[in-house]
Amino acid sequence: MAPSLHALARFAAASFEQSPGALSPSVFWWHEGNFTQVATQDNAGLHIELTQEAMDLTARFAGG
């Protein structure tokens, strides 16, 4: 999941810089009707902060 999240964050940041429309430079987790920012890419690098639900799902897919 980490490589995909990194790719999504890079894509969002690049699209935000190149797009004239309203696009967020961040990646969000949607769970039970709520959005939570989980990743953003800026000049300092990639910043990831997963919710507990996202960490649980990641562990489940990783077989943990």
PDB file of N, CA and C in Angstrom:
ATOM      1  N   MET A   1       0.819  -1.193   0.000  1.00  0.00           N
ATOM      2  CA  MET A   1       0.000   0.000   0.000  1.00  0.00           C
ATOM      3  C   MET A   1       0.863   1.257   0.000  1.00  0.00           C
ATOM      4  N   ALA A   2       2.015   1.218   0.655  1.00  0.00           N
ATOM      5  CA  ALA A   2       2.870   2.406   0.738  1.00  0.00           C
ATOM      6  C   ALA A   2       3.298   2.922  -0.641  1.00  0.00           C
ATOM      7  N   PRO A   3       3.740   2.054  -1.569  1.00  0.00           N
ATOM      8  CA  PRO A   3       4.102   2.575  -2.900  1.00  0.00           C
ATOM      9  C   PRO A   3       2.922   3.232  -3.616  1.00  0.00           C
ATOM     10  N   SER A   4       1.739   2.664  -3.473  1.00  0.00           N
ATOM     11  CA  SER A   4       0.550   3.252  -4.109  1.00  0.00           C
ATOM     12  C   SER A   4       0.203   4.596  -3.492  1.00  0.00           C
ATOM     13  N   LEU A   5       0.287   4.676  -2.167  1.00  0.00           N
ATOM     14  CA  LEU A   5       0.001   5.932  -1.482  1.00  0.00           C
ATOM     15  C   LEU A   5       1.014   7.002  -1.869  1.00  0.00           C
ATOM     16  N   HIS A   6       2.267   6.612  -1.990  1.00  0.00           N
ATOM     17  CA  HIS A   6       3.313   7.547  -2.416  1.00  0.00           C
ATOM     18  C   HIS A   6       3.022   8.048  -3.831  1.00  0.00           C
ATOM     19  N   ALA A   7       2.655   7.138  -4.734  1.00  0.00           N
ATOM     20  CA  ALA A   7       2.341   7.532  -6.113  1.00  0.00           C
ATOM     21  C   ALA A   7       1.129   8.455  -6.154  1.00  0.00           C
ATOM     22  N   LEU A   8       0.105   8.166  -5.364  1.00  0.00           N
ATOM     23  CA  LEU A   8      -1.072   9.034  -5.312  1.00  0.00           C
ATOM     24  C   LEU A   8      -0.718  10.427  -4.795  1.00  0.00           C
ATOM     25  N   ALA A   9       0.109  10.493  -3.768  1.00  0.00           N
ATOM     26  CA  ALA A   9       0.509  11.789  -3.208  1.00  0.00           C
ATOM     27  C   ALA A   9       1.321  12.594  -4.219  1.00  0.00           C
ATOM     28  N   ARG A  10       2.239  11.931  -4.921  1.00  0.00           N
ATOM     29  CA  ARG A  10       3.021  12.637  -5.953  1.00  0.00           C
ATOM     30  C   ARG A  10       2.119  13.138  -7.067  1.00  0.00           C
ATOM     31  N   PHE A  11       1.173  12.288  -7.506  1.00  0.00           N
ATOM     32  CA  PHE A  11       0.238  12.674  -8.556  1.00  0.00           C
ATOM     33  C   PHE A  11      -0.620  13.858  -8.120  1.00  0.00           C
ATOM     34  N   ALA A  12      -1.147  13.804  -6.895  1.00  0.00           N
ATOM     35  CA  ALA A  12      -1.986  14.893  -6.396  1.00  0.00           C
ATOM     36  C   ALA A  12      -1.208  16.196  -6.328  1.00  0.00           C
ATOM     37  N   ALA A  13       0.030  16.134  -5.840  1.00  0.00           N
ATOM     38  CA  ALA A  13       0.848  17.350  -5.735  1.00  0.00           C
ATOM     39  C   ALA A  13       1.163  17.920  -7.115  1.00  0.00           C
ATOM     40  N   ALA A  14       1.544  17.062  -8.051  1.00  0.00           N
ATOM     41  CA  ALA A  14       1.872  17.525  -9.407  1.00  0.00           C
ATOM     42  C   ALA A  14       0.632  18.088 -10.098  1.00  0.00           C
ATOM     43  N   SER A  15      -0.493  17.421  -9.953  1.00  0.00           N
ATOM     44  CA  SER A  15      -1.736  17.887 -10.574  1.00  0.00           C
ATOM     45  C   SER A  15      -2.192  19.199  -9.971  1.00  0.00           C
ATOM     46  N   PHE A  16      -1.999  19.357  -8.668  1.00  0.00           N
ATOM     47  CA  PHE A  16      -2.355  20.600  -7.991  1.00  0.00           C
ATOM     48  C   PHE A  16      -1.544  21.764  -8.571  1.00  0.00           C
ATOM     49  N   GLU A  17      -0.250  21.530  -8.801  1.00  0.00           N
ATOM     50  CA  GLU A  17       0.629  22.578  -9.336  1.00  0.00           C
ATOM     51  C   GLU A  17       0.284  22.934 -10.778  1.00  0.00           C
ATOM     52  N   GLN A  18      -0.167  21.956 -11.550  1.00  0.00           N
ATOM     53  CA  GLN A  18      -0.388  22.146 -12.988  1.00  0.00           C
ATOM     54  C   GLN A  18      -1.830  22.463 -13.354  1.00  0.00           C
ATOM     55  N   SER A  19      -2.751  22.330 -12.426  1.00  0.00           N
ATOM     56  CA  SER A  19      -4.162  22.458 -12.737  1.00  0.00           C
ATOM     57  C   SER A  19      -4.716  23.814 -12.307  1.00  0.00           C
ATOM     58  N   PRO A  20      -5.510  24.446 -13.172  1.00  0.00           N
ATOM     59  CA  PRO A  20      -6.126  25.713 -12.783  1.00  0.00           C
ATOM     60  C   PRO A  20      -7.368  25.521 -11.916  1.00  0.00           C
ATOM     61  N   GLY A  21      -7.849  24.283 -11.794  1.00  0.00           N
ATOM     62  CA  GLY A  21      -9.082  24.011 -11.046  1.00  0.00           C
ATOM     63  C   GLY A  21      -8.836  23.741  -9.584  1.00  0.00           C
ATOM     64  N   ALA A  22      -9.910  23.418  -8.893  1.00  0.00           N
ATOM     65  CA  ALA A  22      -9.855  23.154  -7.455  1.00  0.00           C
ATOM     66  C   ALA A  22      -9.494  21.691  -7.211  1.00  0.00           C
ATOM     67  N   LEU A  23      -8.213  21.430  -7.035  1.00  0.00           N
ATOM     68  CA  LEU A  23      -7.725  20.085  -6.758  1.00  0.00           C
ATOM     69  C   LEU A  23      -6.812  20.149  -5.547  1.00  0.00           C
ATOM     70  N   SER A  24      -6.987  19.244  -4.628  1.00  0.00           N
ATOM     71  CA  SER A  24      -6.168  19.233  -3.416  1.00  0.00           C
ATOM     72  C   SER A  24      -4.823  18.562  -3.699  1.00  0.00           C
ATOM     73  N   PRO A  25      -3.745  19.036  -3.075  1.00  0.00           N
ATOM     74  CA  PRO A  25      -2.451  18.381  -3.223  1.00  0.00           C
ATOM     75  C   PRO A  25      -2.299  17.197  -2.257  1.00  0.00           C
ATOM     76  N   SER A  26      -3.372  16.805  -1.607  1.00  0.00           N
ATOM     77  CA  SER A  26      -3.325  15.762  -0.591  1.00  0.00           C
ATOM     78  C   SER A  26      -4.135  14.537  -0.997  1.00  0.00           C
ATOM     79  N   VAL A  27      -3.894  13.433  -0.295  1.00  0.00           N
ATOM     80  CA  VAL A  27      -4.656  12.197  -0.467  1.00  0.00           C
ATOM     81  C   VAL A  27      -5.487  12.007   0.796  1.00  0.00           C
ATOM     82  N   PHE A  28      -6.737  11.614   0.614  1.00  0.00           N
ATOM     83  CA  PHE A  28      -7.650  11.485   1.736  1.00  0.00           C
ATOM     84  C   PHE A  28      -8.154  10.051   1.874  1.00  0.00           C
ATOM     85  N   TRP A  29      -8.443   9.656   3.113  1.00  0.00           N
ATOM     86  CA  TRP A  29      -9.042   8.372   3.436  1.00  0.00           C
ATOM     87  C   TRP A  29     -10.516   8.642   3.695  1.00  0.00           C
ATOM     88  N   TRP A  30     -11.380   7.870   3.040  1.00  0.00           N
ATOM     89  CA  TRP A  30     -12.810   8.011   3.253  1.00  0.00           C
ATOM     90  C   TRP A  30     -13.299   6.787   4.001  1.00  0.00           C
ATOM     91  N   HIS A  31     -13.913   6.992   5.158  1.00  0.00           N
ATOM     92  CA  HIS A  31     -14.402   5.888   5.979  1.00  0.00           C
ATOM     93  C   HIS A  31     -15.645   6.332   6.720  1.00  0.00           C
ATOM     94  N   GLU A  32     -16.713   5.571   6.545  1.00  0.00           N
ATOM     95  CA  GLU A  32     -17.984   5.842   7.220  1.00  0.00           C
ATOM     96  C   GLU A  32     -18.451   7.280   7.033  1.00  0.00           C
ATOM     97  N   GLY A  33     -18.323   7.773   5.808  1.00  0.00           N
ATOM     98  CA  GLY A  33     -18.812   9.100   5.471  1.00  0.00           C
ATOM     99  C   GLY A  33     -17.918  10.262   5.862  1.00  0.00           C
ATOM    100  N   ASN A  34     -16.712   9.990   6.343  1.00  0.00           N
ATOM    101  CA  ASN A  34     -15.786  11.056   6.744  1.00  0.00           C
ATOM    102  C   ASN A  34     -14.492  10.985   5.942  1.00  0.00           C
ATOM    103  N   PHE A  35     -13.970  12.141   5.601  1.00  0.00           N
ATOM    104  CA  PHE A  35     -12.685  12.244   4.921  1.00  0.00           C
ATOM    105  C   PHE A  35     -11.616  12.651   5.924  1.00  0.00           C
ATOM    106  N   THR A  36     -10.448  11.988   5.848  1.00  0.00           N
ATOM    107  CA  THR A  36      -9.309  12.334   6.691  1.00  0.00           C
ATOM    108  C   THR A  36      -8.075  12.414   5.798  1.00  0.00           C
ATOM    109  N   GLN A  37      -7.328  13.489   5.883  1.00  0.00           N
ATOM    110  CA  GLN A  37      -6.100  13.616   5.099  1.00  0.00           C
ATOM    111  C   GLN A  37      -5.094  12.584   5.592  1.00  0.00           C
ATOM    112  N   VAL A  38      -4.560  11.780   4.667  1.00  0.00           N
ATOM    113  CA  VAL A  38      -3.592  10.747   5.056  1.00  0.00           C
ATOM    114  C   VAL A  38      -2.226  10.944   4.419  1.00  0.00           C
ATOM    115  N   ALA A  39      -2.144  11.713   3.347  1.00  0.00           N
ATOM    116  CA  ALA A  39      -0.842  11.917   2.704  1.00  0.00           C
ATOM    117  C   ALA A  39      -0.827  13.225   1.941  1.00  0.00           C
ATOM    118  N   THR A  40       0.345  13.834   1.935  1.00  0.00           N
ATOM    119  CA  THR A  40       0.572  15.016   1.121  1.00  0.00           C
ATOM    120  C   THR A  40       2.045  15.043   0.732  1.00  0.00           C
ATOM    121  N   GLN A  41       2.318  15.586  -0.427  1.00  0.00           N
ATOM    122  CA  GLN A  41       3.679  15.691  -0.945  1.00  0.00           C
ATOM    123  C   GLN A  41       3.993  17.175  -1.089  1.00  0.00           C
ATOM    124  N   ASP A  42       5.106  17.614  -0.526  1.00  0.00           N
ATOM    125  CA  ASP A  42       5.522  19.003  -0.676  1.00  0.00           C
ATOM    126  C   ASP A  42       7.036  19.049  -0.885  1.00  0.00           C
ATOM    127  N   ASN A  43       7.616  20.233  -0.834  1.00  0.00           N
ATOM    128  CA  ASN A  43       9.060  20.370  -1.062  1.00  0.00           C
ATOM    129  C   ASN A  43       9.892  19.630  -0.022  1.00  0.00           C
ATOM    130  N   ALA A  44       9.340  19.396   1.159  1.00  0.00           N
ATOM    131  CA  ALA A  44      10.056  18.685   2.221  1.00  0.00           C
ATOM    132  C   ALA A  44       9.949  17.166   2.068  1.00  0.00           C
ATOM    133  N   GLY A  45       9.063  16.696   1.184  1.00  0.00           N
ATOM    134  CA  GLY A  45       8.917  15.261   0.955  1.00  0.00           C
ATOM    135  C   GLY A  45       7.500  14.782   1.167  1.00  0.00           C
ATOM    136  N   LEU A  46       7.374  13.481   1.318  1.00  0.00           N
ATOM    137  CA  LEU A  46       6.080  12.845   1.503  1.00  0.00           C
ATOM    138  C   LEU A  46       5.756  12.770   2.987  1.00  0.00           C
ATOM    139  N   HIS A  47       4.538  13.163   3.334  1.00  0.00           N
ATOM    140  CA  HIS A  47       4.074  13.111   4.717  1.00  0.00           C
ATOM    141  C   HIS A  47       2.859  12.194   4.761  1.00  0.00           C
ATOM    142  N   ILE A  48       2.943  11.121   5.562  1.00  0.00           N
ATOM    143  CA  ILE A  48       1.853  10.154   5.677  1.00  0.00           C
ATOM    144  C   ILE A  48       1.423  10.063   7.133  1.00  0.00           C
ATOM    145  N   GLU A  49       0.124  10.128   7.338  1.00  0.00           N
ATOM    146  CA  GLU A  49      -0.436   9.923   8.677  1.00  0.00           C
ATOM    147  C   GLU A  49      -1.726   9.126   8.500  1.00  0.00           C
ATOM    148  N   LEU A  50      -1.613   7.803   8.646  1.00  0.00           N
ATOM    149  CA  LEU A  50      -2.760   6.935   8.437  1.00  0.00           C
ATOM    150  C   LEU A  50      -3.672   6.894   9.649  1.00  0.00           C
ATOM    151  N   THR A  51      -4.952   6.725   9.380  1.00  0.00           N
ATOM    152  CA  THR A  51      -5.913   6.517  10.455  1.00  0.00           C
ATOM    153  C   THR A  51      -5.770   5.079  10.955  1.00  0.00           C
ATOM    154  N   GLN A  52      -6.340   4.781  12.090  1.00  0.00           N
ATOM    155  CA  GLN A  52      -6.292   3.417  12.614  1.00  0.00           C
ATOM    156  C   GLN A  52      -6.982   2.452  11.653  1.00  0.00           C
ATOM    157  N   GLU A  53      -8.095   2.876  11.058  1.00  0.00           N
ATOM    158  CA  GLU A  53      -8.797   2.020  10.096  1.00  0.00           C
ATOM    159  C   GLU A  53      -7.917   1.707   8.893  1.00  0.00           C
ATOM    160  N   ALA A  54      -7.189   2.697   8.403  1.00  0.00           N
ATOM    161  CA  ALA A  54      -6.300   2.481   7.266  1.00  0.00           C
ATOM    162  C   ALA A  54      -5.151   1.552   7.634  1.00  0.00           C
ATOM    163  N   MET A  55      -4.605   1.701   8.836  1.00  0.00           N
ATOM    164  CA  MET A  55      -3.524   0.813   9.275  1.00  0.00           C
ATOM    165  C   MET A  55      -4.031  -0.621   9.425  1.00  0.00           C
ATOM    166  N   ASP A  56      -5.232  -0.782   9.963  1.00  0.00           N
ATOM    167  CA  ASP A  56      -5.822  -2.111  10.095  1.00  0.00           C
ATOM    168  C   ASP A  56      -6.024  -2.762   8.740  1.00  0.00           C
ATOM    169  N   LEU A  57      -6.535  -1.988   7.781  1.00  0.00           N
ATOM    170  CA  LEU A  57      -6.760  -2.510   6.433  1.00  0.00           C
ATOM    171  C   LEU A  57      -5.441  -2.868   5.769  1.00  0.00           C
ATOM    172  N   THR A  58      -4.436  -2.033   5.937  1.00  0.00           N
ATOM    173  CA  THR A  58      -3.107  -2.317   5.385  1.00  0.00           C
ATOM    174  C   THR A  58      -2.558  -3.601   5.954  1.00  0.00           C
ATOM    175  N   ALA A  59      -2.682  -3.803   7.259  1.00  0.00           N
ATOM    176  CA  ALA A  59      -2.199  -5.015   7.894  1.00  0.00           C
ATOM    177  C   ALA A  59      -2.956  -6.241   7.383  1.00  0.00           C
ATOM    178  N   ARG A  60      -4.253  -6.089   7.180  1.00  0.00           N
ATOM    179  CA  ARG A  60      -5.064  -7.202   6.675  1.00  0.00           C
ATOM    180  C   ARG A  60      -4.623  -7.620   5.276  1.00  0.00           C
ATOM    181  N   PHE A  61      -4.373  -6.630   4.399  1.00  0.00           N
ATOM    182  CA  PHE A  61      -3.923  -6.939   3.044  1.00  0.00           C
ATOM    183  C   PHE A  61      -2.513  -7.502   3.021  1.00  0.00           C
ATOM    184  N   ALA A  62      -1.710  -7.119   3.997  1.00  0.00           N
ATOM    185  CA  ALA A  62      -0.328  -7.620   4.070  1.00  0.00           C
ATOM    186  C   ALA A  62      -0.276  -9.002   4.724  1.00  0.00           C
ATOM    187  N   GLY A  63      -1.422  -9.479   5.174  1.00  0.00           N
ATOM    188  CA  GLY A  63      -1.478 -10.798   5.789  1.00  0.00           C
ATOM    189  C   GLY A  63      -1.171 -10.802   7.263  1.00  0.00           C
ATOM    190  N   GLY A  64      -1.209  -9.596   7.892  1.00  0.00           N
ATOM    191  CA  GLY A  64      -0.844  -9.481   9.300  1.00  0.00           C
ATOM    192  C   GLY A  64      -1.952  -9.437  10.222  1.00  0.00           C
TER     193      GLY A  64
END
